[in-house]
C-alpha atoms as a PDB file:
ATOM      1  CA  MET A   1      61.124 121.390  43.037  1.00  0.00           C
ATOM      2  CA  ALA A   2      63.265 119.686  45.508  1.00  0.00           C
ATOM      3  CA  SER A   3      66.685 121.036  45.767  1.00  0.00           C
ATOM      4  CA  GLY A   4      69.704 119.085  44.296  1.00  0.00           C
ATOM      5  CA  GLY A   5      71.121 118.750  48.018  1.00  0.00           C
ATOM      6  CA  PHE A   6      67.726 117.144  49.125  1.00  0.00           C
ATOM      7  CA  LEU A   7      67.594 114.751  46.418  1.00  0.00           C
ATOM      8  CA  ASN A   8      71.416 113.867  46.845  1.00  0.00           C
ATOM      9  CA  LEU A   9      70.428 113.220  50.405  1.00  0.00           C
ATOM     10  CA  VAL A  10      67.418 110.864  49.526  1.00  0.00           C
ATOM     11  CA  GLU A  11      69.504 108.946  46.913  1.00  0.00           C
ATOM     12  CA  ARG A  12      72.039 107.881  49.727  1.00  0.00           C
ATOM     13  CA  LEU A  13      69.814 106.654  52.316  1.00  0.00           C
ATOM     14  CA  ASP A  14      69.969 103.224  53.241  1.00  0.00           C
ATOM     15  CA  HIS A  15      67.117 100.742  53.823  1.00  0.00           C
ATOM     16  CA  GLU A  16      66.748 101.342  57.449  1.00  0.00           C
ATOM     17  CA  GLN A  17      66.706 105.069  56.984  1.00  0.00           C
ATOM     18  CA  TRP A  18      64.151 104.794  54.276  1.00  0.00           C
ATOM     19  CA  SER A  19      61.841 102.749  56.398  1.00  0.00           C
ATOM     20  CA  ALA A  20      62.144 105.238  59.355  1.00  0.00           C
ATOM     21  CA  ILE A  21      61.075 107.988  57.108  1.00  0.00           C
ATOM     22  CA  MET A  22      58.144 106.185  55.838  1.00  0.00           C
ATOM     23  CA  GLU A  23      56.968 105.617  59.395  1.00  0.00           C
ATOM     24  CA  THR A  24      57.005 109.227  60.200  1.00  0.00           C
ATOM     25  CA  GLY A  25      54.556 110.167  57.415  1.00  0.00           C
ATOM     26  CA  PHE A  26      57.141 112.089  55.311  1.00  0.00           C
ATOM     27  CA  GLY A  27      57.494 109.176  52.920  1.00  0.00           C
ATOM     28  CA  GLY A  28      56.018 111.174  50.058  1.00  0.00           C
ATOM     29  CA  MET A  29      59.112 113.368  50.116  1.00  0.00           C
ATOM     30  CA  LEU A  30      61.162 110.382  48.971  1.00  0.00           C
ATOM     31  CA  ALA A  31      59.117 110.276  45.641  1.00  0.00           C
ATOM     32  CA  VAL A  32      60.342 113.611  44.451  1.00  0.00           C
ATOM     33  CA  ARG A  33      62.234 112.893  41.287  1.00  0.00           C
ATOM     34  CA  THR A  34      62.876 116.332  39.557  1.00  0.00           C
ATOM     35  CA  ARG A  35      65.747 118.671  40.021  1.00  0.00           C
ATOM     36  CA  LEU A  36      64.306 120.998  37.393  1.00  0.00           C
ATOM     37  CA  ILE A  37      62.117 124.111  37.824  1.00  0.00           C
ATOM     38  CA  PRO A  38      61.975 125.846  34.337  1.00  0.00           C
ATOM     39  CA  LYS A  39      62.541 129.643  34.986  1.00  0.00           C
ATOM     40  CA  GLN A  40      59.762 130.982  32.674  1.00  0.00           C
ATOM     41  CA  LEU A  41      57.346 128.484  34.250  1.00  0.00           C
ATOM     42  CA  ALA A  42      58.298 129.409  37.711  1.00  0.00           C
ATOM     43  CA  ARG A  43      57.931 133.066  37.077  1.00  0.00           C
ATOM     44  CA  TRP A  44      54.442 132.646  35.474  1.00  0.00           C
ATOM     45  CA  LEU A  45      53.242 130.445  38.390  1.00  0.00           C
ATOM     46  CA  LEU A  46      54.267 132.945  40.931  1.00  0.00           C
ATOM     47  CA  ASN A  47      52.596 135.830  38.997  1.00  0.00           C
ATOM     48  CA  SER A  48      49.633 133.728  38.484  1.00  0.00           C
ATOM     49  CA  TYR A  49      49.164 132.459  42.110  1.00  0.00           C
ATOM     50  CA  ASP A  50      46.623 134.421  44.253  1.00  0.00           C
ATOM     51  CA  PRO A  51      47.903 134.107  47.876  1.00  0.00           C
ATOM     52  CA  TRP A  52      44.687 135.753  49.232  1.00  0.00           C
ATOM     53  CA  GLU A  53      42.305 133.370  47.382  1.00  0.00           C
ATOM     54  CA  THR A  54      44.729 130.269  47.331  1.00  0.00           C
ATOM     55  CA  SER A  55      44.317 129.785  43.783  1.00  0.00           C
ATOM     56  CA  LEU A  56      46.217 129.594  40.401  1.00  0.00           C
ATOM     57  CA  LYS A  57      44.557 131.935  37.811  1.00  0.00           C
ATOM     58  CA  LEU A  58      44.633 130.468  34.308  1.00  0.00           C
ATOM     59  CA  PRO A  59      43.828 132.377  31.170  1.00  0.00           C
ATOM     60  CA  ASN A  60      40.094 131.250  31.120  1.00  0.00           C
ATOM     61  CA  GLU A  61      39.602 130.118  34.700  1.00  0.00           C
ATOM     62  CA  LYS A  62      41.184 129.525  38.104  1.00  0.00           C
ATOM     63  CA  VAL A  63      41.949 126.404  40.282  1.00  0.00           C
ATOM     64  CA  LEU A  64      41.462 126.667  43.869  1.00  0.00           C
ATOM     65  CA  ILE A  65      44.262 124.826  46.057  1.00  0.00           C
ATOM     66  CA  TYR A  66      43.377 123.021  49.159  1.00  0.00           C
ATOM     67  CA  GLU A  67      45.365 120.911  51.764  1.00  0.00           C
ATOM     68  CA  GLU A  68      44.269 117.869  49.872  1.00  0.00           C
ATOM     69  CA  ASP A  69      46.103 118.996  46.746  1.00  0.00           C
ATOM     70  CA  VAL A  70      49.479 119.227  48.775  1.00  0.00           C
ATOM     71  CA  HIS A  71      48.748 115.801  50.156  1.00  0.00           C
ATOM     72  CA  ALA A  72      48.089 114.345  46.735  1.00  0.00           C
ATOM     73  CA  THR A  73      51.080 116.160  45.230  1.00  0.00           C
ATOM     74  CA  LEU A  74      53.799 115.395  47.990  1.00  0.00           C
ATOM     75  CA  GLY A  75      52.208 112.830  50.219  1.00  0.00           C
ATOM     76  CA  LEU A  76      52.656 114.974  53.315  1.00  0.00           C
ATOM     77  CA  PRO A  77      50.471 114.352  56.468  1.00  0.00           C
ATOM     78  CA  MET A  78      47.149 116.007  57.068  1.00  0.00           C
ATOM     79  CA  GLY A  79      46.897 115.843  60.770  1.00  0.00           C
ATOM     80  CA  PRO A  80      44.274 117.463  63.161  1.00  0.00           C
ATOM     81  CA  LEU A  81      46.714 120.013  64.823  1.00  0.00           C
ATOM     82  CA  GLU A  82      48.187 123.111  63.282  1.00  0.00           C
ATOM     83  CA  VAL A  83      51.930 123.255  62.832  1.00  0.00           C
ATOM     84  CA  ARG A  84      53.300 125.772  65.356  1.00  0.00           C
ATOM     85  CA  GLU A  85      56.746 127.344  64.748  1.00  0.00           C
ATOM     86  CA  GLY A  86      58.888 127.738  67.934  1.00  0.00           C
ATOM     87  CA  LYS A  87      60.177 131.084  68.838  1.00  0.00           C
ATOM     88  CA  THR A  88      63.042 132.124  71.000  1.00  0.00           C
ATOM     89  CA  SER A  89      60.733 134.131  73.156  1.00  0.00           C
ATOM     90  CA  ASP A  90      58.620 131.034  73.882  1.00  0.00           C
ATOM     91  CA  ASN A  91      58.406 130.082  77.559  1.00  0.00           C
ATOM     92  CA  ASP A  92      58.699 126.398  76.725  1.00  0.00           C
ATOM     93  CA  THR A  93      61.093 124.180  78.505  1.00  0.00           C
ATOM     94  CA  ASP A  94      60.672 121.219  75.930  1.00  0.00           C
ATOM     95  CA  TYR A  95      61.595 123.526  72.972  1.00  0.00           C
ATOM     96  CA  ALA A  96      64.452 125.137  74.801  1.00  0.00           C
ATOM     97  CA  ILE A  97      65.822 121.702  75.589  1.00  0.00           C
ATOM     98  CA  PHE A  98      65.377 120.612  72.034  1.00  0.00           C
ATOM     99  CA  LEU A  99      67.184 123.727  70.653  1.00  0.00           C
ATOM    100  CA  GLU A 100      70.089 123.209  73.081  1.00  0.00           C
ATOM    101  CA  HIS A 101      70.455 119.470  72.041  1.00  0.00           C
ATOM    102  CA  LEU A 102      70.222 120.495  68.292  1.00  0.00           C
ATOM    103  CA  ARG A 103      72.966 123.124  68.498  1.00  0.00           C
ATOM    104  CA  GLU A 104      75.235 120.869  70.619  1.00  0.00           C
ATOM    105  CA  ARG A 105      74.836 118.030  68.017  1.00  0.00           C
ATOM    106  CA  TRP A 106      75.716 120.427  65.206  1.00  0.00           C
ATOM    107  CA  ASN A 107      78.336 122.252  67.254  1.00  0.00           C
ATOM    108  CA  ILE A 108      76.828 125.642  66.712  1.00  0.00           C
ATOM    109  CA  LYS A 109      75.958 128.508  69.198  1.00  0.00           C
ATOM    110  CA  ARG A 110      73.011 130.130  67.533  1.00  0.00           C
ATOM    111  CA  GLY A 111      70.592 129.705  64.767  1.00  0.00           C
ATOM    112  CA  GLY A 112      70.540 126.343  63.054  1.00  0.00           C
ATOM    113  CA  PRO A 113      72.878 124.390  60.850  1.00  0.00           C
ATOM    114  CA  SER A 114      73.474 125.046  57.244  1.00  0.00           C
ATOM    115  CA  VAL A 115      71.484 123.055  54.849  1.00  0.00           C
ATOM    116  CA  GLY A 116      74.654 122.016  52.914  1.00  0.00           C
ATOM    117  CA  SER A 117      76.364 120.733  55.951  1.00  0.00           C
ATOM    118  CA  MET A 118      73.256 118.574  57.163  1.00  0.00           C
ATOM    119  CA  GLU A 119      73.229 116.868  53.580  1.00  0.00           C
ATOM    120  CA  TYR A 120      76.487 115.263  54.153  1.00  0.00           C
ATOM    121  CA  ALA A 121      76.637 114.763  57.933  1.00  0.00           C
ATOM    122  CA  ILE A 122      73.248 113.068  58.072  1.00  0.00           C
ATOM    123  CA  ILE A 123      74.633 110.379  55.681  1.00  0.00           C
ATOM    124  CA  GLU A 124      78.083 110.207  57.395  1.00  0.00           C
ATOM    125  CA  ARG A 125      76.531 109.519  60.926  1.00  0.00           C
ATOM    126  CA  GLY A 126      74.688 106.523  59.514  1.00  0.00           C
ATOM    127  CA  SER A 127      71.933 106.823  62.176  1.00  0.00           C
ATOM    128  CA  HIS A 128      68.303 105.792  61.615  1.00  0.00           C
ATOM    129  CA  GLY A 129      67.016 106.591  65.020  1.00  0.00           C
ATOM    130  CA  ALA A 130      65.168 109.599  66.517  1.00  0.00           C
ATOM    131  CA  GLU A 131      68.061 112.033  65.872  1.00  0.00           C
ATOM    132  CA  PHE A 132      68.203 111.117  62.252  1.00  0.00           C
ATOM    133  CA  ILE A 133      64.481 111.634  61.863  1.00  0.00           C
ATOM    134  CA  ILE A 134      64.729 115.018  63.513  1.00  0.00           C
ATOM    135  CA  ASP A 135      67.472 116.042  61.223  1.00  0.00           C
ATOM    136  CA  PHE A 136      65.765 114.605  58.061  1.00  0.00           C
ATOM    137  CA  ILE A 137      62.556 116.472  58.764  1.00  0.00           C
ATOM    138  CA  ILE A 138      64.473 119.888  59.477  1.00  0.00           C
ATOM    139  CA  HIS A 139      66.392 119.265  56.205  1.00  0.00           C
ATOM    140  CA  ALA A 140      63.289 118.381  54.153  1.00  0.00           C
ATOM    141  CA  THR A 141      61.321 121.259  55.611  1.00  0.00           C
ATOM    142  CA  SER A 142      64.209 123.701  54.993  1.00  0.00           C
ATOM    143  CA  THR A 143      64.731 122.644  51.354  1.00  0.00           C
ATOM    144  CA  CYS A 144      61.290 121.773  50.323  1.00  0.00           C
ATOM    145  CA  ILE A 145      58.831 123.861  52.189  1.00  0.00           C
ATOM    146  CA  ILE A 146      60.171 126.962  53.692  1.00  0.00           C
ATOM    147  CA  GLY A 147      63.742 128.242  53.454  1.00  0.00           C
ATOM    148  CA  ASN A 148      66.036 130.991  54.821  1.00  0.00           C
ATOM    149  CA  ALA A 149      67.893 133.240  52.282  1.00  0.00           C
ATOM    150  CA  ASN A 150      71.035 132.693  54.353  1.00  0.00           C
ATOM    151  CA  GLY A 151      71.140 128.941  53.693  1.00  0.00           C
ATOM    152  CA  THR A 152      70.579 127.763  57.273  1.00  0.00           C
ATOM    153  CA  CYS A 153      67.886 125.349  58.025  1.00  0.00           C
ATOM    154  CA  HIS A 154      64.391 126.105  59.384  1.00  0.00           C
ATOM    155  CA  PHE A 155      64.686 124.268  62.586  1.00  0.00           C
ATOM    156  CA  ARG A 156      61.505 125.746  64.342  1.00  0.00           C
ATOM    157  CA  VAL A 157      59.064 123.077  62.859  1.00  0.00           C
ATOM    158  CA  LEU A 158      59.155 119.515  63.624  1.00  0.00           C
ATOM    159  CA  ASN A 159      55.853 117.834  64.142  1.00  0.00           C
ATOM    160  CA  ASN A 160      53.893 115.636  61.773  1.00  0.00           C
ATOM    161  CA  LEU A 161      50.892 117.825  62.214  1.00  0.00           C
ATOM    162  CA  ARG A 162      48.893 119.722  59.422  1.00  0.00           C
ATOM    163  CA  ASN A 163      51.880 119.754  57.131  1.00  0.00           C
ATOM    164  CA  CYS A 164      49.847 120.308  53.918  1.00  0.00           C
ATOM    165  CA  ALA A 165      48.126 123.486  55.573  1.00  0.00           C
ATOM    166  CA  TYR A 166      51.615 124.571  56.519  1.00  0.00           C
ATOM    167  CA  VAL A 167      52.927 124.316  52.850  1.00  0.00           C
ATOM    168  CA  ILE A 168      50.015 126.538  51.725  1.00  0.00           C
ATOM    169  CA  LYS A 169      50.665 128.898  54.584  1.00  0.00           C
ATOM    170  CA  CYS A 170      54.216 129.293  53.737  1.00  0.00           C
ATOM    171  CA  LEU A 171      53.600 129.557  50.120  1.00  0.00           C
ATOM    172  CA  ASN A 172      51.092 132.239  50.443  1.00  0.00           C
ATOM    173  CA  ASN A 173      53.394 134.280  52.742  1.00  0.00           C
ATOM    174  CA  ALA A 174      56.360 133.823  50.326  1.00  0.00           C
ATOM    175  CA  VAL A 175      54.375 134.993  47.309  1.00  0.00           C
ATOM    176  CA  ILE A 176      53.056 138.040  49.035  1.00  0.00           C
ATOM    177  CA  GLU A 177      56.556 138.899  50.030  1.00  0.00           C
ATOM    178  CA  TRP A 178      58.121 138.225  46.547  1.00  0.00           C
ATOM    179  CA  LYS A 179      55.361 140.212  44.861  1.00  0.00           C
ATOM    180  CA  ALA A 180      56.063 143.144  47.089  1.00  0.00           C
ATOM    181  CA  HIS A 181      59.718 142.942  46.668  1.00  0.00           C
ATOM    182  CA  LYS A 182      60.717 141.173  43.511  1.00  0.00           C
ATOM    183  CA  THR A 183      64.222 141.443  43.899  1.00  0.00           C
ATOM    184  CA  LYS A 184      64.319 139.361  46.958  1.00  0.00           C
ATOM    185  CA  PHE A 185      64.891 135.460  47.355  1.00  0.00           C
ATOM    186  CA  PHE A 186      61.636 133.500  47.124  1.00  0.00           C
ATOM    187  CA  THR A 187      61.637 131.244  50.023  1.00  0.00           C
ATOM    188  CA  GLY A 188      58.414 129.414  49.402  1.00  0.00           C
ATOM    189  CA  SER A 189      57.432 126.014  47.834  1.00  0.00           C
ATOM    190  CA  LEU A 190      57.235 126.032  44.026  1.00  0.00           C
ATOM    191  CA  LEU A 191      57.688 122.348  43.869  1.00  0.00           C
ATOM    192  CA  PHE A 192      54.181 122.005  44.998  1.00  0.00           C
ATOM    193  CA  LEU A 193      52.855 124.577  42.565  1.00  0.00           C
ATOM    194  CA  MET A 194      54.623 123.197  39.521  1.00  0.00           C
ATOM    195  CA  VAL A 195      61.429 122.332  45.919  1.00  0.00           C
ATOM    196  CA  LYS A 196      64.168 125.169  48.447  1.00  0.00           C
ATOM    197  CA  ASP A 197      67.628 125.906  47.398  1.00  0.00           C
ATOM    198  CA  THR A 198      66.264 129.451  47.852  1.00  0.00           C
ATOM    199  CA  PHE A 199      66.189 131.030  44.386  1.00  0.00           C
ATOM    200  CA  ARG A 200      66.188 134.738  43.492  1.00  0.00           C
ATOM    201  CA  MET A 201      63.586 135.331  40.872  1.00  0.00           C
ATOM    202  CA  THR A 202      65.650 137.916  39.085  1.00  0.00           C
ATOM    203  CA  ARG A 203      68.201 135.365  38.230  1.00  0.00           C
ATOM    204  CA  LEU A 204      66.232 132.256  39.216  1.00  0.00           C
ATOM    205  CA  ASN A 205      68.989 130.477  41.288  1.00  0.00           C
ATOM    206  CA  HIS A 206      67.871 127.243  42.565  1.00  0.00           C
ATOM    207  CA  ASN A 207      66.545 126.690  46.186  1.00  0.00           C
ATOM    208  CA  ILE A 208      62.865 126.083  45.424  1.00  0.00           C
ATOM    209  CA  TYR A 209      60.547 123.219  47.084  1.00  0.00           C
ATOM    210  CA  ASP A 210      57.724 125.498  47.056  1.00  0.00           C
ATOM    211  CA  VAL A 211      58.254 126.125  43.271  1.00  0.00           C
ATOM    212  CA  VAL A 212      58.497 122.438  42.642  1.00  0.00           C
ATOM    213  CA  HIS A 213      55.510 121.389  44.609  1.00  0.00           C
ATOM    214  CA  PHE A 214      53.469 124.297  43.006  1.00  0.00           C
ATOM    215  CA  GLN A 215      54.925 123.136  39.591  1.00  0.00           C
ATOM    216  CA  LEU A 216      54.030 119.575  39.969  1.00  0.00           C
ATOM    217  CA  PHE A 217      50.435 120.641  41.047  1.00  0.00           C
ATOM    218  CA  TYR A 218      50.279 122.604  37.789  1.00  0.00           C
ATOM    219  CA  LEU A 219      51.660 119.903  35.634  1.00  0.00           C
ATOM    220  CA  ASP A 220      49.446 117.214  36.964  1.00  0.00           C
ATOM    221  CA  ARG A 221      46.165 119.143  37.002  1.00  0.00           C
ATOM    222  CA  VAL A 222      46.514 121.223  33.698  1.00  0.00           C
ATOM    223  CA  GLU A 223      46.374 118.434  30.845  1.00  0.00           C
ATOM    224  CA  PHE A 224      48.130 120.234  27.811  1.00  0.00           C
ATOM    225  CA  LYS A 225      47.010 119.366  24.252  1.00  0.00           C
ATOM    226  CA  ALA A 226      45.215 116.120  25.542  1.00  0.00           C
ATOM    227  CA  GLU A 227      48.611 114.581  26.448  1.00  0.00           C
ATOM    228  CA  LYS A 228      48.032 111.814  29.025  1.00  0.00           C
ATOM    229  CA  VAL A 229      50.546 111.345  31.856  1.00  0.00           C
ATOM    230  CA  ASP A 230      50.783 108.641  34.547  1.00  0.00           C
ATOM    231  CA  ARG A 231      49.150 109.620  37.774  1.00  0.00           C
ATOM    232  CA  TRP A 232      50.533 107.753  40.731  1.00  0.00           C
ATOM    233  CA  PHE A 233      50.212 108.921  44.232  1.00  0.00           C
ATOM    234  CA  PRO A 234      51.968 111.009  45.312  1.00  0.00           C
ATOM    235  CA  ILE A 235      52.069 113.098  42.144  1.00  0.00           C
ATOM    236  CA  ALA A 236      55.777 113.860  42.855  1.00  0.00           C
ATOM    237  CA  LEU A 237      56.530 110.349  41.805  1.00  0.00           C
ATOM    238  CA  ASN A 238      55.509 110.843  38.179  1.00  0.00           C
ATOM    239  CA  TRP A 239      57.509 113.819  37.037  1.00  0.00           C
ATOM    240  CA  THR A 240      61.064 113.134  36.525  1.00  0.00           C
ATOM    241  CA  THR A 241      63.550 115.798  35.178  1.00  0.00           C
ATOM    242  CA  LYS A 242      63.206 114.266  31.791  1.00  0.00           C
ATOM    243  CA  LYS A 243      59.408 114.569  31.820  1.00  0.00           C
ATOM    244  CA  VAL A 244      59.251 117.895  33.073  1.00  0.00           C
ATOM    245  CA  LYS A 245      61.784 119.072  30.268  1.00  0.00           C
ATOM    246  CA  LYS A 246      59.515 117.380  27.754  1.00  0.00           C
ATOM    247  CA  ARG A 247      56.401 119.163  28.952  1.00  0.00           C
ATOM    248  CA  GLU A 248      58.306 122.501  29.009  1.00  0.00           C
ATOM    249  CA  ARG A 249      59.471 121.950  25.197  1.00  0.00           C
ATOM    250  CA  LYS A 250      55.786 121.527  24.220  1.00  0.00           C
ATOM    251  CA  GLY A 251      54.375 124.453  26.193  1.00  0.00           C
ATOM    252  CA  HIS A 252      56.739 127.151  26.832  1.00  0.00           C
ATOM    253  CA  LEU A 253      55.640 129.719  24.017  1.00  0.00           C
ATOM    254  CA  PRO A 254      54.310 133.076  24.953  1.00  0.00           C
ATOM    255  CA  GLY A 255      50.711 132.764  26.011  1.00  0.00           C
ATOM    256  CA  GLU A 256      50.561 128.921  26.400  1.00  0.00           C
ATOM    257  CA  TYR A 257      51.341 128.678  30.206  1.00  0.00           C
ATOM    258  CA  GLY A 258      47.933 127.811  31.810  1.00  0.00           C
ATOM    259  CA  ARG A 259      46.145 126.654  28.716  1.00  0.00           C
ATOM    260  CA  GLY A 260      44.861 123.179  28.624  1.00  0.00           C
ATOM    261  CA  ARG A 261      41.909 121.024  30.278  1.00  0.00           C
ATOM    262  CA  ILE A 262      41.650 121.123  34.043  1.00  0.00           C
ATOM    263  CA  ILE A 263      41.456 117.525  35.351  1.00  0.00           C
ATOM    264  CA  LYS A 264      40.133 116.399  38.764  1.00  0.00           C
ATOM    265  CA  ARG A 265      42.398 115.753  41.782  1.00  0.00           C
ATOM    266  CA  LEU A 266      44.015 112.470  41.948  1.00  0.00           C
ATOM    267  CA  GLU A 267      42.173 110.047  44.065  1.00  0.00           C
ATOM    268  CA  TYR A 268      44.444 108.377  46.400  1.00  0.00           C
ATOM    269  CA  LYS A 269      44.773 105.577  49.016  1.00  0.00           C
ATOM    270  CA  LYS A 270      48.067 104.919  50.537  1.00  0.00           C
ATOM    271  CA  LEU A 271      51.715 105.266  50.217  1.00  0.00           C
ATOM    272  CA  THR A 272      52.424 101.461  50.547  1.00  0.00           C
ATOM    273  CA  TYR A 273      53.462 100.965  46.944  1.00  0.00           C
ATOM    274  CA  LEU A 274      56.155 103.466  47.279  1.00  0.00           C
ATOM    275  CA  ALA A 275      58.612 101.029  49.064  1.00  0.00           C
ATOM    276  CA  GLU A 276      58.130  98.600  46.221  1.00  0.00           C
ATOM    277  CA  MET A 277      58.994 100.850  43.403  1.00  0.00           C
ATOM    278  CA  ASP A 278      62.422 101.755  42.008  1.00  0.00           C
ATOM    279  CA  LEU A 279      62.747 105.469  42.669  1.00  0.00           C
END
């Protein structure tokens, strides 16, 4: 799922900002259309996901998850280089300068700006240049891929590298941590498996891009009761809140999660049509 804050931000972007995001390779994020992650489905997905094997275990089989699945679901880049998180201990002048400018721009002395403050300030500033791109990617990463339980942004990742592999890495780490301490916040990406407003699984408060991504993958690949659904690229484009609710009503009974026919990963080409569609 994408957080409500992220969707609010996307809905208020102007044409120049939209075009700038498309050029960064993060255009697939603009396709996310659902704010809903059903609680029971989210819990089932997390309990059924094997982070060691990177697979979703269904009643009679399992589905292995690859970078290509993240790309098909969210349209994120699959570059040749690993995403590297910056660390305060890094002896990296460029990173230190970047961090200094980021904090100066957001008027903070340490850490990163809050996700909530970024949502409104990005729009109010009206920029569509380099600083806008940086802020948008930080916000998207924090709300849709990996979050902090304290609500601050995850500012250590910025490059369009192997973002699909990074989503899986974050999902694996978050599920391992959650299964070990189920009273803690889940900070991974359920939007892919079925996006982050970090949510506590005991109460399922919303902050879940990992959940949404995870959720969208499941809804697309497990065909329930032979019901056909539209399959555009990226998959996120197909699942509105209304469609997720409809699917949930049909398959929420005990023992029905995971049942259905496994269909092949969507074959994809380009995101070019995205700019022409009414999202």
